Amino acid sequence: MTERIWDKFLTEKDKRIFQLAGYGKRGGFGTRPALFIIDVQYNFTGDEPGEPQEEGVLKYRTHCGEAGWKAVPHIERLLKIARAKNLPVFYTVSERRADMIDSGVQVGKSHRGTEKTSTEGSHATQTVAPLAPQPQDILIGKRKPSAFFGTIFMSHLNFLDVDTLIMTGCTTSGCLRATTVDAYSFNFKVVIPEETAFDRFEASHAVNLFDLNCKYADVIPTDEVAEYLEGLPVRDTAT
């Protein structure tokens, strides 16, 4: 059996229960996918590749270090295919008012929660340049972990007749996870290309991928997702 990123964090009992309970069955792809890029902003990746996380986190408390920039080319690969196939591409825009009132209780969960590193319109909240949105893409402004909460995301998905969400970005344990669980709850097929997801904590990343793959999504190699997208016809926007 191929070793997975989460295996080293599981006990032998965990592995037995996983098998006995039947978790991790593939849900499969649908026929009308959309690509979703969640929070791949400079305040999560850092300003440039190679910046040590211990240094970067002093500027951006949400800094995920090298893991973020390692994910970018994998997302970029899928993005190019999605655009060539005329598939819907969504981005989150995760930013806050200058007075931070729209963060609500979230500011209380970090000793640095009142730092203004997510102010709307700032460089920190811009999608990293290699993945920059194009005019045809759809931007979803959000203030909470799930992109479904308090937004019109579902309205867009209904209008575009999407049945499968390809989830990429960060953090695995936070916004990507919350959005995935909500998508599953709304009966979308959900696929997470493993190399496109990232988190600031190695353990959080691995264990959340394990749990999402158990119950809510297919966590599979980016190669498989690229092959699936390449095999789709070009989407006709007239229908």
C-alpha atoms as a PDB file:
ATOM      1  CA  MET A   1       0.000   0.000   0.000  1.00  0.00           C
ATOM      2  CA  THR A   2       1.318   3.460  -0.917  1.00  0.00           C
ATOM      3  CA  GLU A   3       2.405   5.473   2.101  1.00  0.00           C
ATOM      4  CA  ARG A   4       0.365   8.611   2.657  1.00  0.00           C
ATOM      5  CA  ILE A   5       1.442  11.905   4.187  1.00  0.00           C
ATOM      6  CA  TRP A   6      -0.584  11.223   7.325  1.00  0.00           C
ATOM      7  CA  ASP A   7       0.617   7.696   8.052  1.00  0.00           C
ATOM      8  CA  LYS A   8       3.356   8.709  10.488  1.00  0.00           C
ATOM      9  CA  PHE A   9       0.815  10.522  12.654  1.00  0.00           C
ATOM     10  CA  LEU A  10      -1.561   7.547  12.996  1.00  0.00           C
ATOM     11  CA  THR A  11      -1.385   4.877  15.664  1.00  0.00           C
ATOM     12  CA  GLU A  12      -1.651   1.234  14.713  1.00  0.00           C
ATOM     13  CA  LYS A  13      -5.131   1.225  16.229  1.00  0.00           C
ATOM     14  CA  ASP A  14      -6.087   4.217  14.060  1.00  0.00           C
ATOM     15  CA  LYS A  15      -5.014   2.281  10.977  1.00  0.00           C
ATOM     16  CA  ARG A  16      -7.026  -0.778  11.977  1.00  0.00           C
ATOM     17  CA  ILE A  17     -10.177   1.251  12.667  1.00  0.00           C
ATOM     18  CA  PHE A  18      -9.771   3.021   9.320  1.00  0.00           C
ATOM     19  CA  GLN A  19      -9.843  -0.332   7.531  1.00  0.00           C
ATOM     20  CA  LEU A  20     -12.592  -1.898   9.643  1.00  0.00           C
ATOM     21  CA  ALA A  21     -14.917   1.122   9.391  1.00  0.00           C
ATOM     22  CA  GLY A  22     -14.536   1.354   5.618  1.00  0.00           C
ATOM     23  CA  TYR A  23     -13.418   4.976   5.515  1.00  0.00           C
ATOM     24  CA  GLY A  24     -11.631   6.574   2.569  1.00  0.00           C
ATOM     25  CA  LYS A  25     -13.662   5.192  -0.321  1.00  0.00           C
ATOM     26  CA  ARG A  26     -13.318   7.285  -3.471  1.00  0.00           C
ATOM     27  CA  GLY A  27     -16.290   9.541  -4.147  1.00  0.00           C
ATOM     28  CA  GLY A  28     -15.143  10.172  -7.699  1.00  0.00           C
ATOM     29  CA  PHE A  29     -15.418  13.108 -10.058  1.00  0.00           C
ATOM     30  CA  GLY A  30     -18.525  14.603 -11.527  1.00  0.00           C
ATOM     31  CA  THR A  31     -18.762  16.110 -15.000  1.00  0.00           C
ATOM     32  CA  ARG A  32     -19.054  19.853 -14.255  1.00  0.00           C
ATOM     33  CA  PRO A  33     -16.132  20.894 -12.059  1.00  0.00           C
ATOM     34  CA  ALA A  34     -14.916  24.242 -10.830  1.00  0.00           C
ATOM     35  CA  LEU A  35     -11.474  25.088  -9.487  1.00  0.00           C
ATOM     36  CA  PHE A  36     -11.322  26.932  -6.172  1.00  0.00           C
ATOM     37  CA  ILE A  37      -8.200  28.745  -4.924  1.00  0.00           C
ATOM     38  CA  ILE A  38      -8.545  29.481  -1.222  1.00  0.00           C
ATOM     39  CA  ASP A  39      -6.504  32.201   0.505  1.00  0.00           C
ATOM     40  CA  VAL A  40      -3.281  31.857  -1.496  1.00  0.00           C
ATOM     41  CA  GLN A  41      -2.357  35.394  -0.478  1.00  0.00           C
ATOM     42  CA  TYR A  42       0.947  36.927   0.550  1.00  0.00           C
ATOM     43  CA  ASN A  43      -0.048  36.984   4.215  1.00  0.00           C
ATOM     44  CA  PHE A  44      -0.257  33.176   4.053  1.00  0.00           C
ATOM     45  CA  THR A  45       2.680  32.407   1.745  1.00  0.00           C
ATOM     46  CA  GLY A  46       5.032  35.232   2.654  1.00  0.00           C
ATOM     47  CA  ASP A  47       6.239  37.829   0.176  1.00  0.00           C
ATOM     48  CA  GLU A  48       8.644  35.565  -1.688  1.00  0.00           C
ATOM     49  CA  PRO A  49       9.813  31.945  -1.863  1.00  0.00           C
ATOM     50  CA  GLY A  50      12.613  30.833   0.421  1.00  0.00           C
ATOM     51  CA  GLU A  51      11.755  33.072   3.353  1.00  0.00           C
ATOM     52  CA  PRO A  52      12.161  31.081   6.603  1.00  0.00           C
ATOM     53  CA  GLN A  53       8.816  30.702   8.337  1.00  0.00           C
ATOM     54  CA  GLU A  54      10.286  31.716  11.699  1.00  0.00           C
ATOM     55  CA  GLU A  55      11.194  35.064  10.152  1.00  0.00           C
ATOM     56  CA  GLY A  56       8.131  35.483   7.971  1.00  0.00           C
ATOM     57  CA  VAL A  57       5.716  34.863  10.810  1.00  0.00           C
ATOM     58  CA  LEU A  58       7.062  37.958  12.557  1.00  0.00           C
ATOM     59  CA  LYS A  59       5.566  40.018   9.712  1.00  0.00           C
ATOM     60  CA  TYR A  60       2.492  37.914   8.932  1.00  0.00           C
ATOM     61  CA  ARG A  61       1.215  35.833  11.832  1.00  0.00           C
ATOM     62  CA  THR A  62      -0.650  33.622   9.299  1.00  0.00           C
ATOM     63  CA  HIS A  63       2.580  32.791   7.429  1.00  0.00           C
ATOM     64  CA  CYS A  64       2.732  29.129   6.307  1.00  0.00           C
ATOM     65  CA  GLY A  65       6.356  29.101   5.192  1.00  0.00           C
ATOM     66  CA  GLU A  66       7.854  27.040   2.408  1.00  0.00           C
ATOM     67  CA  ALA A  67       4.757  24.837   2.171  1.00  0.00           C
ATOM     68  CA  GLY A  68       2.784  27.683   0.581  1.00  0.00           C
ATOM     69  CA  TRP A  69       5.210  28.420  -2.228  1.00  0.00           C
ATOM     70  CA  LYS A  70       5.708  24.691  -2.872  1.00  0.00           C
ATOM     71  CA  ALA A  71       1.966  24.405  -3.540  1.00  0.00           C
ATOM     72  CA  VAL A  72       1.819  27.340  -5.971  1.00  0.00           C
ATOM     73  CA  PRO A  73       3.197  25.609  -9.120  1.00  0.00           C
ATOM     74  CA  HIS A  74       0.830  22.665  -8.599  1.00  0.00           C
ATOM     75  CA  ILE A  75      -2.135  25.050  -8.380  1.00  0.00           C
ATOM     76  CA  GLU A  76      -0.812  26.976 -11.383  1.00  0.00           C
ATOM     77  CA  ARG A  77      -0.745  23.749 -13.410  1.00  0.00           C
ATOM     78  CA  LEU A  78      -4.425  23.061 -12.696  1.00  0.00           C
ATOM     79  CA  LEU A  79      -5.328  26.702 -13.247  1.00  0.00           C
ATOM     80  CA  LYS A  80      -3.906  26.660 -16.774  1.00  0.00           C
ATOM     81  CA  ILE A  81      -5.889  23.541 -17.638  1.00  0.00           C
ATOM     82  CA  ALA A  82      -9.093  24.942 -16.120  1.00  0.00           C
ATOM     83  CA  ARG A  83      -8.804  28.131 -18.139  1.00  0.00           C
ATOM     84  CA  ALA A  84      -8.063  26.205 -21.325  1.00  0.00           C
ATOM     85  CA  LYS A  85     -11.221  24.177 -20.707  1.00  0.00           C
ATOM     86  CA  ASN A  86     -13.224  27.324 -19.886  1.00  0.00           C
ATOM     87  CA  LEU A  87     -14.091  25.968 -16.440  1.00  0.00           C
ATOM     88  CA  PRO A  88     -15.268  28.239 -13.615  1.00  0.00           C
ATOM     89  CA  VAL A  89     -12.421  29.446 -11.418  1.00  0.00           C
ATOM     90  CA  PHE A  90     -13.136  30.831  -7.955  1.00  0.00           C
ATOM     91  CA  TYR A  91     -10.891  32.680  -5.522  1.00  0.00           C
ATOM     92  CA  THR A  92     -11.445  33.766  -1.966  1.00  0.00           C
ATOM     93  CA  VAL A  93     -10.607  37.311  -0.999  1.00  0.00           C
ATOM     94  CA  SER A  94      -9.873  37.102   2.712  1.00  0.00           C
ATOM     95  CA  GLU A  95      -9.447  40.601   4.103  1.00  0.00           C
ATOM     96  CA  ARG A  96     -10.705  42.829   6.899  1.00  0.00           C
ATOM     97  CA  ARG A  97     -11.816  46.381   7.556  1.00  0.00           C
ATOM     98  CA  ALA A  98      -9.169  48.644   9.038  1.00  0.00           C
ATOM     99  CA  ASP A  99     -10.922  48.596  12.415  1.00  0.00           C
ATOM    100  CA  MET A 100     -11.080  44.763  12.359  1.00  0.00           C
ATOM    101  CA  ILE A 101     -14.704  44.704  13.513  1.00  0.00           C
ATOM    102  CA  ASP A 102     -15.558  42.177  10.780  1.00  0.00           C
ATOM    103  CA  SER A 103     -13.167  39.677  12.373  1.00  0.00           C
ATOM    104  CA  GLY A 104     -15.509  39.340  15.326  1.00  0.00           C
ATOM    105  CA  VAL A 105     -14.341  36.879  17.989  1.00  0.00           C
ATOM    106  CA  GLN A 106     -11.547  35.628  15.743  1.00  0.00           C
ATOM    107  CA  VAL A 107      -9.195  38.326  17.027  1.00  0.00           C
ATOM    108  CA  GLY A 108      -9.347  36.712  20.464  1.00  0.00           C
ATOM    109  CA  LYS A 109      -7.838  33.403  19.351  1.00  0.00           C
ATOM    110  CA  SER A 110      -4.319  34.753  18.814  1.00  0.00           C
ATOM    111  CA  HIS A 111      -2.114  36.897  21.032  1.00  0.00           C
ATOM    112  CA  ARG A 112      -1.411  38.834  17.820  1.00  0.00           C
ATOM    113  CA  GLY A 113      -5.012  38.849  16.616  1.00  0.00           C
ATOM    114  CA  THR A 114      -5.341  42.633  16.429  1.00  0.00           C
ATOM    115  CA  GLU A 115      -2.354  43.066  14.105  1.00  0.00           C
ATOM    116  CA  LYS A 116      -3.449  44.589  10.792  1.00  0.00           C
ATOM    117  CA  THR A 117      -1.912  42.165   8.314  1.00  0.00           C
ATOM    118  CA  SER A 118      -5.181  41.458   6.515  1.00  0.00           C
ATOM    119  CA  THR A 119      -6.451  44.965   5.800  1.00  0.00           C
ATOM    120  CA  GLU A 120      -8.627  45.142   2.701  1.00  0.00           C
ATOM    121  CA  GLY A 121      -6.839  46.374  -0.410  1.00  0.00           C
ATOM    122  CA  SER A 122      -3.363  45.797   1.021  1.00  0.00           C
ATOM    123  CA  HIS A 123      -0.500  43.870  -0.584  1.00  0.00           C
ATOM    124  CA  ALA A 124      -0.835  41.231   2.136  1.00  0.00           C
ATOM    125  CA  THR A 125      -4.308  40.217   0.950  1.00  0.00           C
ATOM    126  CA  GLN A 126      -3.469  39.973  -2.755  1.00  0.00           C
ATOM    127  CA  THR A 127      -3.365  36.567  -4.440  1.00  0.00           C
ATOM    128  CA  VAL A 128       0.249  35.674  -5.229  1.00  0.00           C
ATOM    129  CA  ALA A 129       1.322  36.857  -8.687  1.00  0.00           C
ATOM    130  CA  PRO A 130       1.677  33.441 -10.419  1.00  0.00           C
ATOM    131  CA  LEU A 131      -1.993  32.739  -9.628  1.00  0.00           C
ATOM    132  CA  ALA A 132      -3.409  36.222 -10.185  1.00  0.00           C
ATOM    133  CA  PRO A 133      -7.144  36.236 -10.991  1.00  0.00           C
ATOM    134  CA  GLN A 134      -8.304  37.092 -14.514  1.00  0.00           C
ATOM    135  CA  PRO A 135     -11.398  39.178 -15.370  1.00  0.00           C
ATOM    136  CA  GLN A 136     -13.529  36.081 -16.030  1.00  0.00           C
ATOM    137  CA  ASP A 137     -12.788  34.560 -12.627  1.00  0.00           C
ATOM    138  CA  ILE A 138     -15.121  34.902  -9.645  1.00  0.00           C
ATOM    139  CA  LEU A 139     -13.889  36.401  -6.367  1.00  0.00           C
ATOM    140  CA  ILE A 140     -15.626  35.436  -3.141  1.00  0.00           C
ATOM    141  CA  GLY A 141     -15.083  37.864  -0.276  1.00  0.00           C
ATOM    142  CA  LYS A 142     -15.229  36.053   3.044  1.00  0.00           C
ATOM    143  CA  ARG A 143     -14.708  36.871   6.693  1.00  0.00           C
ATOM    144  CA  LYS A 144     -15.081  33.403   8.220  1.00  0.00           C
ATOM    145  CA  PRO A 145     -13.404  30.038   7.484  1.00  0.00           C
ATOM    146  CA  SER A 146     -16.010  28.631   5.103  1.00  0.00           C
ATOM    147  CA  ALA A 147     -16.437  30.345   1.745  1.00  0.00           C
ATOM    148  CA  PHE A 148     -20.125  29.441   1.973  1.00  0.00           C
ATOM    149  CA  PHE A 149     -20.733  31.409   5.179  1.00  0.00           C
ATOM    150  CA  GLY A 150     -22.338  34.781   4.566  1.00  0.00           C
ATOM    151  CA  THR A 151     -21.446  34.853   0.845  1.00  0.00           C
ATOM    152  CA  ILE A 152     -23.153  34.278  -2.519  1.00  0.00           C
ATOM    153  CA  PHE A 153     -20.846  31.387  -3.373  1.00  0.00           C
ATOM    154  CA  MET A 154     -23.710  28.875  -3.548  1.00  0.00           C
ATOM    155  CA  SER A 155     -25.651  31.139  -5.882  1.00  0.00           C
ATOM    156  CA  HIS A 156     -22.745  31.121  -8.339  1.00  0.00           C
ATOM    157  CA  LEU A 157     -22.377  27.342  -8.109  1.00  0.00           C
ATOM    158  CA  ASN A 158     -26.082  26.860  -8.810  1.00  0.00           C
ATOM    159  CA  PHE A 159     -26.043  29.264 -11.751  1.00  0.00           C
ATOM    160  CA  LEU A 160     -22.977  27.606 -13.290  1.00  0.00           C
ATOM    161  CA  ASP A 161     -24.387  24.106 -12.655  1.00  0.00           C
ATOM    162  CA  VAL A 162     -21.237  22.922 -10.868  1.00  0.00           C
ATOM    163  CA  ASP A 163     -21.233  19.405  -9.407  1.00  0.00           C
ATOM    164  CA  THR A 164     -17.570  19.007  -8.410  1.00  0.00           C
ATOM    165  CA  LEU A 165     -15.273  21.352  -6.496  1.00  0.00           C
ATOM    166  CA  ILE A 166     -11.503  21.066  -6.865  1.00  0.00           C
ATOM    167  CA  MET A 167     -10.257  22.598  -3.603  1.00  0.00           C
ATOM    168  CA  THR A 168      -6.772  24.113  -3.398  1.00  0.00           C
ATOM    169  CA  GLY A 169      -5.007  26.472  -1.027  1.00  0.00           C
ATOM    170  CA  CYS A 170      -4.947  27.005   2.685  1.00  0.00           C
ATOM    171  CA  THR A 171      -5.103  26.330   5.425  1.00  0.00           C
ATOM    172  CA  THR A 172      -5.813  22.628   5.343  1.00  0.00           C
ATOM    173  CA  SER A 173      -7.065  22.717   8.922  1.00  0.00           C
ATOM    174  CA  GLY A 174      -8.941  25.995   8.547  1.00  0.00           C
ATOM    175  CA  CYS A 175     -10.578  27.599   5.529  1.00  0.00           C
ATOM    176  CA  LEU A 176      -9.948  24.737   3.125  1.00  0.00           C
ATOM    177  CA  ARG A 177     -11.370  22.258   5.607  1.00  0.00           C
ATOM    178  CA  ALA A 178     -14.396  24.381   6.526  1.00  0.00           C
ATOM    179  CA  THR A 179     -15.266  25.028   2.883  1.00  0.00           C
ATOM    180  CA  THR A 180     -14.816  21.346   2.023  1.00  0.00           C
ATOM    181  CA  VAL A 181     -17.131  20.177   4.804  1.00  0.00           C
ATOM    182  CA  ASP A 182     -19.797  22.681   3.739  1.00  0.00           C
ATOM    183  CA  ALA A 183     -19.434  21.661   0.089  1.00  0.00           C
ATOM    184  CA  TYR A 184     -19.875  18.015   1.094  1.00  0.00           C
ATOM    185  CA  SER A 185     -22.908  19.010   3.174  1.00  0.00           C
ATOM    186  CA  PHE A 186     -24.438  20.597   0.071  1.00  0.00           C
ATOM    187  CA  ASN A 187     -23.809  17.328  -1.840  1.00  0.00           C
ATOM    188  CA  PHE A 188     -20.987  18.491  -4.076  1.00  0.00           C
ATOM    189  CA  LYS A 189     -18.277  16.043  -4.995  1.00  0.00           C
ATOM    190  CA  VAL A 190     -15.069  17.399  -3.495  1.00  0.00           C
ATOM    191  CA  VAL A 191     -11.518  16.684  -4.628  1.00  0.00           C
ATOM    192  CA  ILE A 192      -8.350  17.965  -2.948  1.00  0.00           C
ATOM    193  CA  PRO A 193      -5.183  17.632  -5.048  1.00  0.00           C
ATOM    194  CA  GLU A 194      -2.769  16.748  -2.257  1.00  0.00           C
ATOM    195  CA  GLU A 195       0.171  18.888  -3.389  1.00  0.00           C
ATOM    196  CA  THR A 196      -1.996  22.020  -3.734  1.00  0.00           C
ATOM    197  CA  ALA A 197      -3.049  22.218  -0.070  1.00  0.00           C
ATOM    198  CA  PHE A 198      -0.923  23.646   2.723  1.00  0.00           C
ATOM    199  CA  ASP A 199      -0.915  24.681   6.367  1.00  0.00           C
ATOM    200  CA  ARG A 200       1.429  26.361   8.837  1.00  0.00           C
ATOM    201  CA  PHE A 201       1.663  23.241  11.012  1.00  0.00           C
ATOM    202  CA  GLU A 202       2.858  19.923   9.573  1.00  0.00           C
ATOM    203  CA  ALA A 203       0.723  17.829  11.906  1.00  0.00           C
ATOM    204  CA  SER A 204      -2.428  19.878  11.294  1.00  0.00           C
ATOM    205  CA  HIS A 205      -1.916  19.566   7.554  1.00  0.00           C
ATOM    206  CA  ALA A 206      -1.401  15.812   7.547  1.00  0.00           C
ATOM    207  CA  VAL A 207      -4.110  14.854  10.026  1.00  0.00           C
ATOM    208  CA  ASN A 208      -6.720  17.091   8.413  1.00  0.00           C
ATOM    209  CA  LEU A 209      -5.965  15.643   4.985  1.00  0.00           C
ATOM    210  CA  PHE A 210      -6.440  12.205   6.549  1.00  0.00           C
ATOM    211  CA  ASP A 211      -9.784  13.139   8.097  1.00  0.00           C
ATOM    212  CA  LEU A 212     -11.057  14.923   4.988  1.00  0.00           C
ATOM    213  CA  ASN A 213     -10.104  11.918   2.860  1.00  0.00           C
ATOM    214  CA  CYS A 214     -11.857   9.608   5.318  1.00  0.00           C
ATOM    215  CA  LYS A 215     -15.216  11.310   5.136  1.00  0.00           C
ATOM    216  CA  TYR A 216     -15.625  14.425   3.026  1.00  0.00           C
ATOM    217  CA  ALA A 217     -13.347  14.508  -0.039  1.00  0.00           C
ATOM    218  CA  ASP A 218     -10.997  12.563  -2.260  1.00  0.00           C
ATOM    219  CA  VAL A 219      -7.430  13.571  -1.396  1.00  0.00           C
ATOM    220  CA  ILE A 220      -5.493  12.443  -4.446  1.00  0.00           C
ATOM    221  CA  PRO A 221      -2.340  13.350  -6.395  1.00  0.00           C
ATOM    222  CA  THR A 222      -2.406  16.467  -8.551  1.00  0.00           C
ATOM    223  CA  ASP A 223      -1.429  14.279 -11.516  1.00  0.00           C
ATOM    224  CA  GLU A 224      -4.770  12.457 -11.302  1.00  0.00           C
ATOM    225  CA  VAL A 225      -6.723  15.694 -11.114  1.00  0.00           C
ATOM    226  CA  ALA A 226      -4.834  17.128 -14.093  1.00  0.00           C
ATOM    227  CA  GLU A 227      -5.572  13.995 -16.111  1.00  0.00           C
ATOM    228  CA  TYR A 228      -9.281  14.270 -15.262  1.00  0.00           C
ATOM    229  CA  LEU A 229      -9.436  17.939 -16.258  1.00  0.00           C
ATOM    230  CA  GLU A 230      -7.505  17.335 -19.479  1.00  0.00           C
ATOM    231  CA  GLY A 231     -10.060  14.717 -20.476  1.00  0.00           C
ATOM    232  CA  LEU A 232     -13.009  17.098 -20.229  1.00  0.00           C
ATOM    233  CA  PRO A 233     -14.459  18.873 -23.259  1.00  0.00           C
ATOM    234  CA  VAL A 234     -14.161  22.642 -23.437  1.00  0.00           C
ATOM    235  CA  ARG A 235     -17.091  24.050 -21.484  1.00  0.00           C
ATOM    236  CA  ASP A 236     -19.721  25.811 -23.584  1.00  0.00           C
ATOM    237  CA  THR A 237     -20.779  28.967 -21.756  1.00  0.00           C
ATOM    238  CA  ALA A 238     -23.865  29.266 -23.946  1.00  0.00           C
ATOM    239  CA  THR A 239     -25.490  26.299 -22.198  1.00  0.00           C
END
